[in-house]
């Protein structure tokens, strides 16, 4: 199971990234656990300068933008394969 983290304070873009990520992975049939990281100190441990941030299996894959659904699926599949 993939561990997905959405980094951000809860702004509109953070909510949109969460929704897009859930939609992308659900459509692709990928099993995941999604956590929201909202505390500034916790977000800073990932070294990003702007939110929202997307982390899959502790790898920061996007920061300051909302990736396309297909990109999210591609990343998830790559990391899913790497961890098998």
N, C-alpha and C. Protein backbone atom coordinates (compact mmCIF):
# COMPACT_ATOMS: atom_id res chain seq x y z
N UNK A 1 0.84 -1.17 0.00
CA UNK A 1 0.00 0.00 0.00
C UNK A 1 0.88 1.24 0.00
N UNK A 2 0.53 2.17 -0.86
CA UNK A 2 1.28 3.42 -0.94
C UNK A 2 0.85 4.36 0.18
N UNK A 3 1.81 5.11 0.69
CA UNK A 3 1.49 6.15 1.66
C UNK A 3 1.61 7.49 0.95
N UNK A 4 0.51 8.20 0.90
CA UNK A 4 0.44 9.49 0.23
C UNK A 4 0.30 10.57 1.30
N UNK A 5 1.05 11.65 1.15
CA UNK A 5 0.91 12.80 2.05
C UNK A 5 0.68 14.05 1.21
N UNK A 6 -0.31 14.81 1.62
CA UNK A 6 -0.55 16.12 1.03
C UNK A 6 -0.08 17.14 2.06
N UNK A 7 0.90 17.93 1.67
CA UNK A 7 1.47 18.93 2.57
C UNK A 7 0.82 20.28 2.31
N UNK A 8 0.28 20.88 3.36
CA UNK A 8 -0.30 22.20 3.21
C UNK A 8 -1.21 22.55 4.37
N UNK A 9 -1.47 23.82 4.49
CA UNK A 9 -2.23 24.34 5.63
C UNK A 9 -3.73 24.14 5.52
N UNK A 10 -4.20 23.74 4.36
CA UNK A 10 -5.64 23.59 4.17
C UNK A 10 -6.21 24.63 3.22
N UNK A 11 -5.35 25.27 2.47
CA UNK A 11 -5.80 26.28 1.49
C UNK A 11 -6.56 25.59 0.35
N UNK A 12 -7.14 26.37 -0.53
CA UNK A 12 -7.91 25.81 -1.65
C UNK A 12 -7.06 24.90 -2.52
N UNK A 13 -5.82 25.29 -2.82
CA UNK A 13 -4.96 24.44 -3.64
C UNK A 13 -4.61 23.13 -2.94
N UNK A 14 -4.47 23.18 -1.63
CA UNK A 14 -4.18 21.96 -0.87
C UNK A 14 -5.38 21.01 -0.94
N UNK A 15 -6.56 21.56 -0.80
CA UNK A 15 -7.78 20.75 -0.89
C UNK A 15 -7.93 20.18 -2.30
N UNK A 16 -7.62 20.99 -3.29
CA UNK A 16 -7.73 20.54 -4.67
C UNK A 16 -6.73 19.42 -4.96
N UNK A 17 -5.49 19.56 -4.45
CA UNK A 17 -4.49 18.50 -4.64
C UNK A 17 -4.96 17.20 -3.99
N UNK A 18 -5.52 17.28 -2.81
CA UNK A 18 -6.04 16.08 -2.15
C UNK A 18 -7.13 15.44 -3.00
N UNK A 19 -8.07 16.25 -3.48
CA UNK A 19 -9.18 15.72 -4.28
C UNK A 19 -8.68 15.10 -5.59
N UNK A 20 -7.75 15.78 -6.26
CA UNK A 20 -7.20 15.26 -7.51
C UNK A 20 -6.43 13.97 -7.29
N UNK A 21 -5.68 13.91 -6.21
CA UNK A 21 -4.90 12.71 -5.90
C UNK A 21 -5.82 11.53 -5.62
N UNK A 22 -6.83 11.77 -4.79
CA UNK A 22 -7.79 10.69 -4.49
C UNK A 22 -8.48 10.22 -5.77
N UNK A 23 -8.94 11.16 -6.60
CA UNK A 23 -9.64 10.81 -7.84
C UNK A 23 -8.73 10.01 -8.77
N UNK A 24 -7.49 10.46 -8.93
CA UNK A 24 -6.54 9.79 -9.83
C UNK A 24 -6.27 8.36 -9.37
N UNK A 25 -5.98 8.20 -8.09
CA UNK A 25 -5.63 6.87 -7.59
C UNK A 25 -6.84 5.94 -7.52
N UNK A 26 -7.99 6.49 -7.19
CA UNK A 26 -9.21 5.67 -7.16
C UNK A 26 -9.55 5.19 -8.57
N UNK A 27 -9.46 6.09 -9.56
CA UNK A 27 -9.75 5.71 -10.95
C UNK A 27 -8.79 4.64 -11.45
N UNK A 28 -7.54 4.70 -10.99
CA UNK A 28 -6.52 3.75 -11.43
C UNK A 28 -6.56 2.45 -10.62
N UNK A 29 -7.37 2.42 -9.56
CA UNK A 29 -7.46 1.21 -8.74
C UNK A 29 -6.25 0.97 -7.87
N UNK A 30 -5.56 2.03 -7.51
CA UNK A 30 -4.36 1.91 -6.68
C UNK A 30 -4.74 2.03 -5.21
N UNK A 31 -4.25 1.09 -4.41
CA UNK A 31 -4.53 1.10 -2.98
C UNK A 31 -3.55 2.04 -2.29
N UNK A 32 -4.09 2.91 -1.45
CA UNK A 32 -3.26 3.91 -0.79
C UNK A 32 -3.85 4.32 0.54
N UNK A 33 -3.00 4.97 1.32
CA UNK A 33 -3.40 5.64 2.55
C UNK A 33 -3.01 7.09 2.36
N UNK A 34 -3.95 8.02 2.56
CA UNK A 34 -3.65 9.43 2.37
C UNK A 34 -3.70 10.15 3.70
N UNK A 35 -2.64 10.87 3.99
CA UNK A 35 -2.55 11.68 5.20
C UNK A 35 -2.38 13.14 4.82
N UNK A 36 -2.97 14.02 5.60
CA UNK A 36 -2.78 15.45 5.40
C UNK A 36 -1.80 15.95 6.46
N UNK A 37 -0.76 16.62 6.01
CA UNK A 37 0.23 17.19 6.91
C UNK A 37 0.01 18.70 6.89
N UNK A 38 -0.47 19.23 8.01
CA UNK A 38 -0.86 20.65 8.05
C UNK A 38 0.01 21.51 8.96
N UNK A 39 0.77 20.89 9.83
CA UNK A 39 1.61 21.67 10.75
C UNK A 39 2.86 22.17 10.03
N UNK A 40 3.12 23.46 10.17
CA UNK A 40 4.24 24.10 9.48
C UNK A 40 5.57 23.38 9.75
N UNK A 41 5.81 23.03 11.00
CA UNK A 41 7.07 22.37 11.37
C UNK A 41 7.21 21.03 10.65
N UNK A 42 6.12 20.29 10.54
CA UNK A 42 6.16 19.00 9.86
C UNK A 42 6.36 19.17 8.35
N UNK A 43 5.71 20.17 7.78
CA UNK A 43 5.87 20.44 6.35
C UNK A 43 7.32 20.80 6.03
N UNK A 44 7.94 21.59 6.88
CA UNK A 44 9.31 22.05 6.64
C UNK A 44 10.32 20.90 6.65
N UNK A 45 10.00 19.79 7.29
CA UNK A 45 10.94 18.66 7.29
C UNK A 45 11.11 18.06 5.89
N UNK A 46 10.18 18.37 4.99
CA UNK A 46 10.27 17.86 3.62
C UNK A 46 11.04 18.81 2.69
N UNK A 47 11.44 19.96 3.20
CA UNK A 47 12.29 20.86 2.42
C UNK A 47 11.61 21.57 1.27
N UNK A 48 10.29 21.69 1.31
CA UNK A 48 9.62 22.40 0.23
C UNK A 48 9.45 23.87 0.62
N UNK A 49 9.43 24.72 -0.40
CA UNK A 49 9.33 26.15 -0.14
C UNK A 49 7.92 26.68 -0.34
N UNK A 50 7.09 25.94 -1.05
CA UNK A 50 5.71 26.38 -1.23
C UNK A 50 4.78 25.17 -1.27
N UNK A 51 3.56 25.40 -0.82
CA UNK A 51 2.56 24.35 -0.80
C UNK A 51 1.56 24.60 -1.91
N UNK A 52 0.83 23.61 -2.32
CA UNK A 52 0.75 22.28 -1.73
C UNK A 52 1.92 21.41 -2.14
N UNK A 53 2.14 20.37 -1.37
CA UNK A 53 3.18 19.41 -1.68
C UNK A 53 2.59 18.01 -1.73
N UNK A 54 3.15 17.19 -2.60
CA UNK A 54 2.70 15.81 -2.72
C UNK A 54 3.89 14.89 -2.44
N UNK A 55 3.70 13.99 -1.49
CA UNK A 55 4.73 13.04 -1.09
C UNK A 55 4.15 11.64 -1.23
N UNK A 56 4.87 10.77 -1.94
CA UNK A 56 4.46 9.38 -2.05
C UNK A 56 5.60 8.52 -1.52
N UNK A 57 5.30 7.70 -0.53
CA UNK A 57 6.31 6.85 0.11
C UNK A 57 7.55 7.64 0.49
N UNK A 58 7.31 8.79 1.10
CA UNK A 58 8.36 9.68 1.62
C UNK A 58 9.22 10.33 0.54
N UNK A 59 8.80 10.32 -0.69
CA UNK A 59 9.50 11.03 -1.76
C UNK A 59 8.67 12.24 -2.17
N UNK A 60 9.27 13.42 -2.07
CA UNK A 60 8.58 14.64 -2.49
C UNK A 60 8.55 14.65 -4.02
N UNK A 61 7.35 14.68 -4.58
CA UNK A 61 7.21 14.61 -6.03
C UNK A 61 6.69 15.91 -6.63
N UNK A 62 6.04 16.74 -5.85
CA UNK A 62 5.55 18.02 -6.36
C UNK A 62 5.45 19.00 -5.21
N UNK A 63 5.75 20.25 -5.51
CA UNK A 63 5.62 21.32 -4.52
C UNK A 63 5.23 22.61 -5.23
N UNK A 64 4.26 23.29 -4.65
CA UNK A 64 3.83 24.57 -5.20
C UNK A 64 2.97 24.47 -6.45
N UNK A 65 2.49 23.27 -6.76
CA UNK A 65 1.65 23.09 -7.94
C UNK A 65 0.79 21.85 -7.78
N UNK A 66 -0.19 21.74 -8.65
CA UNK A 66 -1.07 20.57 -8.66
C UNK A 66 -0.78 19.79 -9.94
N UNK A 67 -0.14 18.63 -9.80
CA UNK A 67 0.19 17.85 -11.00
C UNK A 67 -1.07 17.29 -11.66
N UNK A 68 -0.94 16.97 -12.93
CA UNK A 68 -2.04 16.34 -13.66
C UNK A 68 -2.33 14.97 -13.06
N UNK A 69 -3.57 14.52 -13.21
CA UNK A 69 -3.96 13.21 -12.66
C UNK A 69 -3.08 12.10 -13.21
N UNK A 70 -2.81 12.12 -14.50
CA UNK A 70 -2.00 11.05 -15.09
C UNK A 70 -0.59 11.04 -14.50
N UNK A 71 -0.05 12.20 -14.21
CA UNK A 71 1.28 12.26 -13.60
C UNK A 71 1.26 11.62 -12.21
N UNK A 72 0.21 11.88 -11.45
CA UNK A 72 0.07 11.28 -10.12
C UNK A 72 0.01 9.76 -10.23
N UNK A 73 -0.77 9.28 -11.18
CA UNK A 73 -0.90 7.83 -11.39
C UNK A 73 0.44 7.24 -11.81
N UNK A 74 1.14 7.90 -12.71
CA UNK A 74 2.45 7.40 -13.17
C UNK A 74 3.43 7.29 -12.01
N UNK A 75 3.50 8.33 -11.19
CA UNK A 75 4.40 8.30 -10.02
C UNK A 75 4.02 7.16 -9.09
N UNK A 76 2.74 7.03 -8.83
CA UNK A 76 2.27 5.99 -7.90
C UNK A 76 2.63 4.61 -8.42
N UNK A 77 2.41 4.39 -9.70
CA UNK A 77 2.73 3.06 -10.27
C UNK A 77 4.23 2.79 -10.23
N UNK A 78 5.04 3.80 -10.51
CA UNK A 78 6.49 3.62 -10.45
C UNK A 78 6.93 3.24 -9.04
N UNK A 79 6.41 3.94 -8.05
CA UNK A 79 6.81 3.67 -6.66
C UNK A 79 6.21 2.37 -6.16
N UNK A 80 5.04 2.02 -6.65
CA UNK A 80 4.40 0.76 -6.28
C UNK A 80 5.25 -0.41 -6.80
N UNK A 81 5.72 -0.29 -8.03
CA UNK A 81 6.56 -1.32 -8.65
C UNK A 81 7.91 -1.40 -7.93
N UNK A 82 8.48 -0.26 -7.59
CA UNK A 82 9.78 -0.23 -6.93
C UNK A 82 9.73 -0.87 -5.55
N UNK A 83 8.58 -0.84 -4.90
CA UNK A 83 8.45 -1.38 -3.54
C UNK A 83 7.92 -2.82 -3.53
N UNK A 84 7.72 -3.40 -4.71
CA UNK A 84 7.18 -4.77 -4.77
C UNK A 84 8.28 -5.80 -4.64
